Protein backbone atom coordinates (compact mmCIF):
# COMPACT_ATOMS: atom_id res chain seq x y z
CA MET A 1 0.00 0.00 0.00
CA LYS A 2 4.58 6.74 -1.45
CA GLN A 3 5.44 11.45 -1.50
CA PHE A 4 12.16 19.80 -5.57
CA ILE A 5 13.79 21.85 -4.85
CA LEU A 6 16.83 23.61 -5.62
CA ILE A 7 17.32 26.88 -3.95
CA GLY A 8 17.04 25.28 -0.57
CA PHE A 9 18.58 21.99 -1.57
CA PHE A 10 22.04 22.86 -0.40
CA LEU A 11 21.08 22.69 3.22
CA ALA A 12 21.03 18.90 3.00
CA VAL A 13 23.66 16.30 2.22
CA LEU A 14 22.32 13.77 -0.23
CA THR A 15 23.29 10.13 -0.40
CA GLY A 16 23.69 8.16 -3.59
CA CYS A 17 22.29 4.81 -4.60
CA ALA A 18 22.96 2.41 -7.41
CA SER A 19 20.67 -0.24 -8.86
CA MET A 20 18.52 -1.30 -5.93
CA SER A 21 17.01 -4.35 -4.34
CA SER A 22 13.43 -4.07 -3.08
CA GLU A 23 14.66 -3.22 0.44
CA GLU A 24 16.98 -0.53 -0.93
CA ALA A 25 14.22 0.67 -3.22
CA GLN A 26 11.79 1.23 -0.36
CA GLU A 27 14.44 3.29 1.41
CA ALA A 28 15.35 5.32 -1.69
CA ARG A 29 12.08 5.50 -3.57
CA VAL A 30 10.12 8.68 -3.44
CA SER A 31 6.91 8.06 -5.29
CA ASN A 32 5.35 11.52 -5.04
CA ALA A 33 7.68 12.83 -2.36
CA VAL A 34 11.24 13.91 -1.67
CA ARG A 35 14.18 12.12 -0.12
CA LEU A 36 16.90 14.19 1.53
CA LYS A 37 19.27 13.77 4.43
CA GLY A 38 18.81 16.34 7.16
CA ALA A 39 16.54 17.50 9.93
CA SER A 40 14.26 19.96 8.10
CA TYR A 41 11.33 19.34 5.79
CA VAL A 42 10.94 20.09 2.09
CA ILE A 43 7.43 19.94 0.63
CA PRO A 44 6.77 20.18 -3.11
CA GLY A 45 3.32 21.29 -4.05
CA VAL A 46 1.05 23.93 -5.49
CA LYS A 47 0.08 27.34 -4.20
CA ASP A 48 -3.34 28.53 -5.26
CA GLY A 49 -4.13 32.07 -6.29
CA PHE A 50 -5.17 33.96 -9.37
CA PHE A 51 -2.45 31.95 -11.12
CA ARG A 52 -1.68 28.52 -9.72
CA GLN A 53 2.03 27.99 -8.97
CA ALA A 54 4.09 24.81 -8.67
CA GLY A 55 6.73 24.89 -6.00
CA TYR A 56 7.75 23.65 -2.59
CA TRP A 57 7.81 24.66 1.03
CA ILE A 58 11.09 24.83 2.91
CA GLU A 59 10.78 25.48 6.64
CA GLY A 60 7.29 26.83 6.04
CA THR A 61 8.22 29.20 3.18
CA PHE A 62 6.83 28.45 -0.27
CA VAL A 63 9.35 28.71 -3.14
CA VAL A 64 8.05 28.75 -6.72
CA LEU A 65 9.31 26.34 -9.39
CA PRO A 66 9.37 27.74 -12.93
CA GLY A 67 7.25 26.57 -15.84
CA GLY A 68 4.53 24.38 -14.36
CA ASP A 69 1.43 24.89 -12.28
CA GLU A 70 1.13 21.46 -10.67
CA THR A 71 3.38 18.91 -8.98
CA THR A 72 2.49 15.23 -8.73
CA GLY A 73 5.60 13.45 -7.49
CA SER A 74 9.30 13.54 -6.76
CA PHE A 75 12.42 11.50 -6.13
CA VAL A 76 15.93 12.19 -4.86
CA HIS A 77 18.81 10.16 -6.30
CA GLY A 78 22.31 10.97 -5.15
CA LYS A 79 22.63 14.76 -5.34
CA ASP A 80 19.83 15.13 -7.87
CA VAL A 81 16.32 16.14 -6.83
CA TYR A 82 13.51 15.41 -9.25
CA VAL A 83 9.96 16.77 -9.21
CA ILE A 84 7.30 15.79 -11.73
CA GLY A 85 4.25 17.79 -12.67
CA SER A 86 2.57 19.57 -15.53
CA GLY A 87 1.71 22.96 -16.98
CA ASN A 88 -0.30 24.59 -19.72
CA LYS A 89 1.06 25.16 -23.22
CA PHE A 90 -1.15 26.44 -26.00
CA PHE A 91 -4.26 25.42 -24.04
CA SER A 92 -3.01 21.83 -23.56
CA ARG A 93 -1.60 20.06 -20.51
CA VAL A 94 2.11 19.33 -20.84
CA PRO A 95 3.92 16.86 -18.53
CA CYS A 96 7.22 18.02 -17.14
CA TYR A 97 9.83 17.50 -14.46
CA TRP A 98 12.34 19.60 -12.61
CA ARG A 99 15.85 18.36 -11.93
CA ASN A 100 17.46 20.46 -9.22
CA GLY A 101 14.98 23.18 -10.09
CA ALA A 102 15.63 23.26 -13.83
CA TYR A 103 12.46 22.80 -15.88
CA HIS A 104 12.28 19.99 -18.49
CA GLU A 105 9.30 19.30 -20.73
CA LEU A 106 8.46 15.66 -21.45
CA PRO A 107 7.71 14.72 -25.07
CA GLU A 108 4.18 13.65 -25.92
CA GLY A 109 1.92 12.64 -23.06
CA SER A 110 -0.58 14.70 -21.08
CA ASP A 111 0.14 13.92 -17.42
CA ALA A 112 2.99 12.59 -15.29
CA THR A 113 1.75 10.46 -12.38
CA ASP A 114 4.76 9.00 -10.55
CA ILE A 115 8.55 8.78 -10.64
CA HIS A 116 11.25 6.32 -9.63
CA VAL A 117 15.00 6.61 -10.16
CA SER A 118 17.17 3.50 -10.16
CA GLY A 119 20.60 2.66 -11.54
CA GLY A 120 20.97 6.15 -12.96
CA ASN A 121 17.78 5.82 -15.00
CA VAL A 122 14.76 8.06 -14.50
CA TYR A 123 11.36 6.41 -14.90
CA ILE A 124 8.17 8.49 -15.00
CA SER A 125 4.69 7.04 -15.43
CA GLY A 126 1.91 8.98 -17.07
CA ARG A 127 -0.79 9.06 -19.67
CA THR A 128 -1.44 10.64 -23.03
CA VAL A 129 -4.66 11.71 -24.74
CA LYS A 130 -4.89 11.13 -28.48
CA PHE A 131 -8.02 11.81 -30.47
CA PHE A 132 -10.18 11.69 -27.34
CA ALA A 133 -8.69 8.31 -26.34
CA THR A 134 -6.42 7.86 -23.31
CA ALA A 135 -3.30 5.69 -23.39
CA ALA A 136 -1.02 4.69 -20.51
CA CYS A 137 2.64 5.54 -20.97
CA TYR A 138 5.98 6.07 -19.29
CA TRP A 139 9.22 7.85 -19.98
CA LYS A 140 12.67 6.38 -19.45
CA ASN A 141 15.30 9.10 -19.37
CA GLY A 142 12.88 11.35 -21.22
CA VAL A 143 12.10 8.86 -24.02
CA TYR A 144 8.37 8.27 -24.45
CA ASN A 145 7.02 4.70 -24.36
CA GLU A 146 3.35 3.83 -24.82
CA LEU A 147 2.01 0.89 -22.81
CA PRO A 148 -0.33 -1.67 -24.35
CA VAL A 149 -4.03 -1.93 -23.52
CA GLY A 150 -4.50 0.27 -20.43
CA GLY A 151 -5.52 3.90 -20.37
CA HIS A 152 -4.29 5.29 -17.03
CA THR A 153 -1.28 4.84 -14.73
CA THR A 154 -1.33 5.33 -10.96
CA GLY A 155 2.16 4.40 -9.78
CA ILE A 156 5.60 3.10 -10.70
CA PHE A 157 8.14 1.02 -8.79
CA VAL A 158 11.54 -0.25 -9.95
CA ASP A 159 12.85 -3.41 -8.30
CA GLY A 160 16.30 -4.27 -9.62
CA GLU A 161 15.90 -4.61 -13.39
CA ASP A 162 12.11 -4.93 -13.29
CA VAL A 163 9.80 -1.95 -13.87
CA TYR A 164 6.29 -2.22 -12.44
CA ILE A 165 3.51 0.23 -13.28
CA SER A 166 0.01 0.15 -11.81
CA GLY A 167 -3.00 1.46 -13.67
CA TYR A 168 -6.49 0.85 -14.95
CA LYS A 169 -8.62 1.09 -18.06
CA ILE A 170 -12.29 1.91 -18.57
CA VAL A 171 -14.34 -0.44 -20.72
CA GLY A 172 -17.87 0.83 -21.17
CA PHE A 173 -19.19 1.35 -17.64
CA LYS A 174 -16.59 -0.96 -16.10
CA THR A 175 -13.22 -0.08 -14.61
CA VAL A 176 -10.54 -2.74 -15.01
CA ALA A 177 -7.50 -2.69 -12.70
CA CYS A 178 -4.18 -3.71 -14.23
CA TYR A 179 -0.42 -3.43 -14.05
CA TRP A 180 2.55 -3.79 -16.33
CA LYS A 181 5.82 -5.58 -15.67
CA ASN A 182 8.52 -4.56 -18.10
CA GLY A 183 5.83 -3.49 -20.54
CA LEU A 184 3.79 -6.71 -20.33
CA TYR A 185 0.14 -6.20 -19.42
CA PHE A 186 -1.53 -8.06 -16.54
CA GLU A 187 -5.21 -7.68 -15.71
CA LEU A 188 -6.42 -7.80 -12.12
CA PRO A 189 -9.77 -9.35 -11.15
CA ASP A 190 -13.00 -7.55 -10.27
CA ASN A 191 -14.34 -4.10 -11.14
CA CYS A 192 -11.56 -2.05 -9.52
CA ARG A 193 -9.30 0.94 -9.90
CA THR A 194 -5.71 0.90 -8.62
CA THR A 195 -4.21 3.61 -6.39
CA GLY A 196 -0.58 2.58 -5.87
CA ILE A 197 2.08 -0.11 -6.17
CA PHE A 198 4.93 -1.38 -3.99
CA VAL A 199 7.33 -4.31 -4.39
CA TRP A 200 8.72 -5.92 -1.25
CA GLU A 201 11.01 -8.97 -1.20
CA GLY A 202 9.80 -10.03 -4.64
CA ASP A 203 6.09 -9.71 -3.84
CA VAL A 204 4.01 -7.20 -5.80
CA TYR A 205 1.41 -5.27 -3.78
CA ILE A 206 -1.14 -3.06 -5.52
CA THR A 207 -3.79 -1.03 -3.71
CA GLY A 208 -7.15 -0.12 -5.13
CA ASN A 209 -10.89 0.22 -4.71
CA LYS A 210 -13.58 -2.16 -5.91
CA PHE A 211 -16.70 -0.43 -7.19
CA GLU A 212 -20.20 -1.81 -6.77
CA GLY A 213 -22.76 0.78 -7.78
CA PHE A 214 -22.14 3.88 -5.66
CA ASN A 215 -20.15 1.91 -3.09
CA ALA A 216 -16.42 1.23 -3.07
CA THR A 217 -14.62 -1.50 -1.16
CA PRO A 218 -10.97 -0.77 -0.27
CA CYS A 219 -8.69 -3.57 -1.34
CA TYR A 220 -5.24 -4.70 -2.38
CA TRP A 221 -3.70 -7.45 -4.44
CA LYS A 222 -0.64 -9.44 -3.45
CA ASN A 223 0.84 -11.12 -6.50
CA GLY A 224 -2.54 -10.86 -8.19
CA LEU A 225 -4.60 -12.30 -5.32
CA PHE A 226 -7.45 -10.01 -4.24
CA HIS A 227 -7.86 -9.00 -0.56
CA ALA A 228 -10.70 -6.82 0.74
CA LEU A 229 -9.94 -4.40 3.59
CA LYS A 230 -12.36 -4.02 6.47
CA GLY A 231 -13.32 -0.89 8.40
CA GLU A 232 -16.17 1.20 9.69
CA GLY A 233 -18.65 2.14 6.96
CA ARG A 234 -17.38 3.00 3.48
CA ASN A 235 -13.65 3.47 2.94
CA ARG A 236 -11.22 3.95 0.08
CA THR A 237 -7.48 3.46 -0.36
CA THR A 238 -5.05 6.07 -1.63
CA GLY A 239 -1.62 4.41 -1.37
CA ILE A 240 0.73 1.89 0.20
CA PHE A 241 4.07 1.59 1.98
CA ILE A 242 5.78 -1.57 3.19
CA HIS A 243 8.53 -1.90 5.76
CA ASN A 244 8.15 -5.40 7.19
CA ASP A 245 4.51 -4.48 7.95
CA VAL A 246 2.01 -3.53 5.24
CA TYR A 247 0.58 -0.03 5.62
CA ILE A 248 -2.27 1.08 3.39
CA ILE A 249 -3.67 4.59 3.63
CA GLY A 250 -7.13 5.82 2.71
CA PHE A 251 -10.16 7.67 3.94
CA HIS A 252 -13.54 6.94 5.46
CA ASP A 253 -16.07 8.01 2.82
CA GLU A 254 -19.28 9.39 4.29
CA LEU A 255 -20.50 12.20 2.03
CA MET A 256 -19.39 15.45 3.74
CA LEU A 257 -17.98 13.64 6.77
CA ASN A 258 -14.85 12.03 5.33
CA LYS A 259 -12.16 10.96 7.80
CA ALA A 260 -8.53 10.06 7.19
CA CYS A 261 -7.60 6.47 8.00
CA TYR A 262 -5.07 3.71 7.41
CA TRP A 263 -4.63 -0.02 7.81
CA LYS A 264 -1.63 -1.75 9.37
CA ASN A 265 -1.55 -5.40 8.34
CA GLY A 266 -5.29 -5.15 7.78
CA GLU A 267 -6.12 -3.45 11.11
CA TYR A 268 -8.22 -0.33 10.52
CA ARG A 269 -7.29 2.95 12.26
CA LEU A 270 -8.81 6.45 12.05
CA LEU A 271 -6.71 9.62 12.11
CA PRO A 272 -7.76 12.89 13.83
CA GLU A 273 -8.66 16.14 12.08
CA GLY A 274 -8.04 15.23 8.42
CA TYR A 275 -10.51 14.05 5.83
CA GLN A 276 -8.16 12.37 3.38
CA THR A 277 -4.71 10.74 3.24
CA SER A 278 -2.28 11.03 0.37
CA GLY A 279 1.05 9.45 1.30
CA ILE A 280 2.91 7.43 3.89
CA TYR A 281 6.44 6.68 5.01
CA VAL A 282 7.55 4.44 7.87
CA LYS A 283 10.94 4.97 9.50
CA ASP A 284 11.90 2.67 12.35
CA ASP A 285 8.87 2.80 14.68
CA ASP A 286 7.52 6.11 13.38
CA VAL A 287 4.60 6.24 10.94
CA PHE A 288 4.27 9.47 8.92
CA ILE A 289 1.16 10.08 6.83
CA SER A 290 0.35 13.14 4.74
CA GLY A 291 -3.15 14.28 3.95
CA ASN A 292 -5.63 17.10 3.95
CA ALA A 293 -7.89 18.64 6.56
CA PRO A 294 -11.07 20.72 6.18
CA GLY A 295 -11.26 24.46 6.78
CA LEU A 296 -12.40 27.63 5.04
CA VAL A 297 -9.87 26.46 2.45
CA ASN A 298 -8.23 23.06 2.23
CA ILE A 299 -5.49 22.57 4.85
CA PRO A 300 -2.55 20.35 3.82
CA CYS A 301 -1.28 18.39 6.79
CA TYR A 302 0.56 15.35 8.06
CA TRP A 303 0.46 12.99 11.02
CA ARG A 304 3.36 11.52 12.96
CA ASN A 305 2.25 8.46 14.89
CA GLY A 306 -1.28 9.82 14.82
CA GLN A 307 -0.45 13.37 15.94
CA TYR A 308 -1.79 16.02 13.57
CA PHE A 309 0.38 18.83 12.09
CA PRO A 310 -1.13 21.41 9.71
CA LEU A 311 0.82 22.96 6.82
CA SER A 312 0.18 26.40 5.31
CA ASP A 313 -0.02 28.19 1.95
CA GLY A 314 -0.81 25.16 -0.13
CA SER A 315 -3.50 23.10 -1.75
CA ARG A 316 -3.16 19.35 -1.27
CA THR A 317 -0.54 16.89 -0.11
CA THR A 318 0.15 13.79 -2.17
CA ASN A 319 2.81 11.86 -0.28
CA PHE A 320 5.08 11.71 2.76
CA PHE A 321 8.56 10.31 3.23
CA ILE A 322 11.00 10.23 6.13
CA ILE A 323 14.70 9.71 5.54
CA GLU A 324 17.11 10.09 8.44
CA GLY A 325 14.98 12.64 10.24
CA LEU A 326 13.72 14.56 7.22
CA ARG A 327 10.01 15.24 7.04
CA ALA A 328 8.90 15.51 3.43
CA ALA A 329 5.46 15.80 1.94
CA ALA A 330 4.42 16.36 -1.64
CA ALA A 331 1.39 18.33 -2.67
CA LYS A 332 -0.71 19.14 -5.66
CA HIS A 333 -3.89 20.89 -6.62
CA THR A 334 -6.91 18.72 -7.20
CA LYS A 335 -9.31 20.13 -9.71
């Protein structure tokens, strides 16, 4: 059942990593968040206003990134900090990424959804819209690759030489969950939509939601086997993190009374204040979860072992990672 930043980057010492095992990958991977070494937090995100601005918070101050108006993910590899997002160009959405703050446009495609860096290669999942049809895709070192069959991607994870991408396609009125391994398409059972992917010790975990009419059942697959998650009332998943234990984040869906929640090895737990979760990172015995809380405007926030901490000047968080004391949350605007 994952979370930029140049001007302030130099206050942290970054550690490098080569091609990674699944254990190393879970330590290094920043699917929608940032990984830095230090004691302060860096939070990529979006600041709303008359013109929406992509950027990041550093010690509570929002710093604008050039070119885009939305961030959706990030990853730190060695001394390089990557942020993915998108912007408008000639009335069309254009996927992009920032490497140490420098803006780079991605060829083709419409949206970037997740990023993973491994062995010096940069992998970004996304989608493209062609003639009113949607196709799943990914970029490897900026080179566009279209994926067969599916129409949307929701996450990417690199385990050694294997590249896993979660996604879904819509067939008529049915949503079909799926994933790709090294470009090969695998369909998952039931009428579901995926929300994230994680590989741990060779096992592939994918979170999602199973739809039955207006109801959704939170769920996950382990190596393709479906597991329903239990909780109070209606719930949905939003992501996954594994460090020995399986943590799946989500929210309790009750019309205007949504509540943030998560599952640890299937045990359901509510979180105070917030109405939605967006990312999780587990470091030692500490569980960090990012999310959003209600207010006159949306309040981005995070929890550390269940304790609530609000953030300011932003729109929405999308992930949370802890590396050697660093608190990092990613954020984006949800239309």
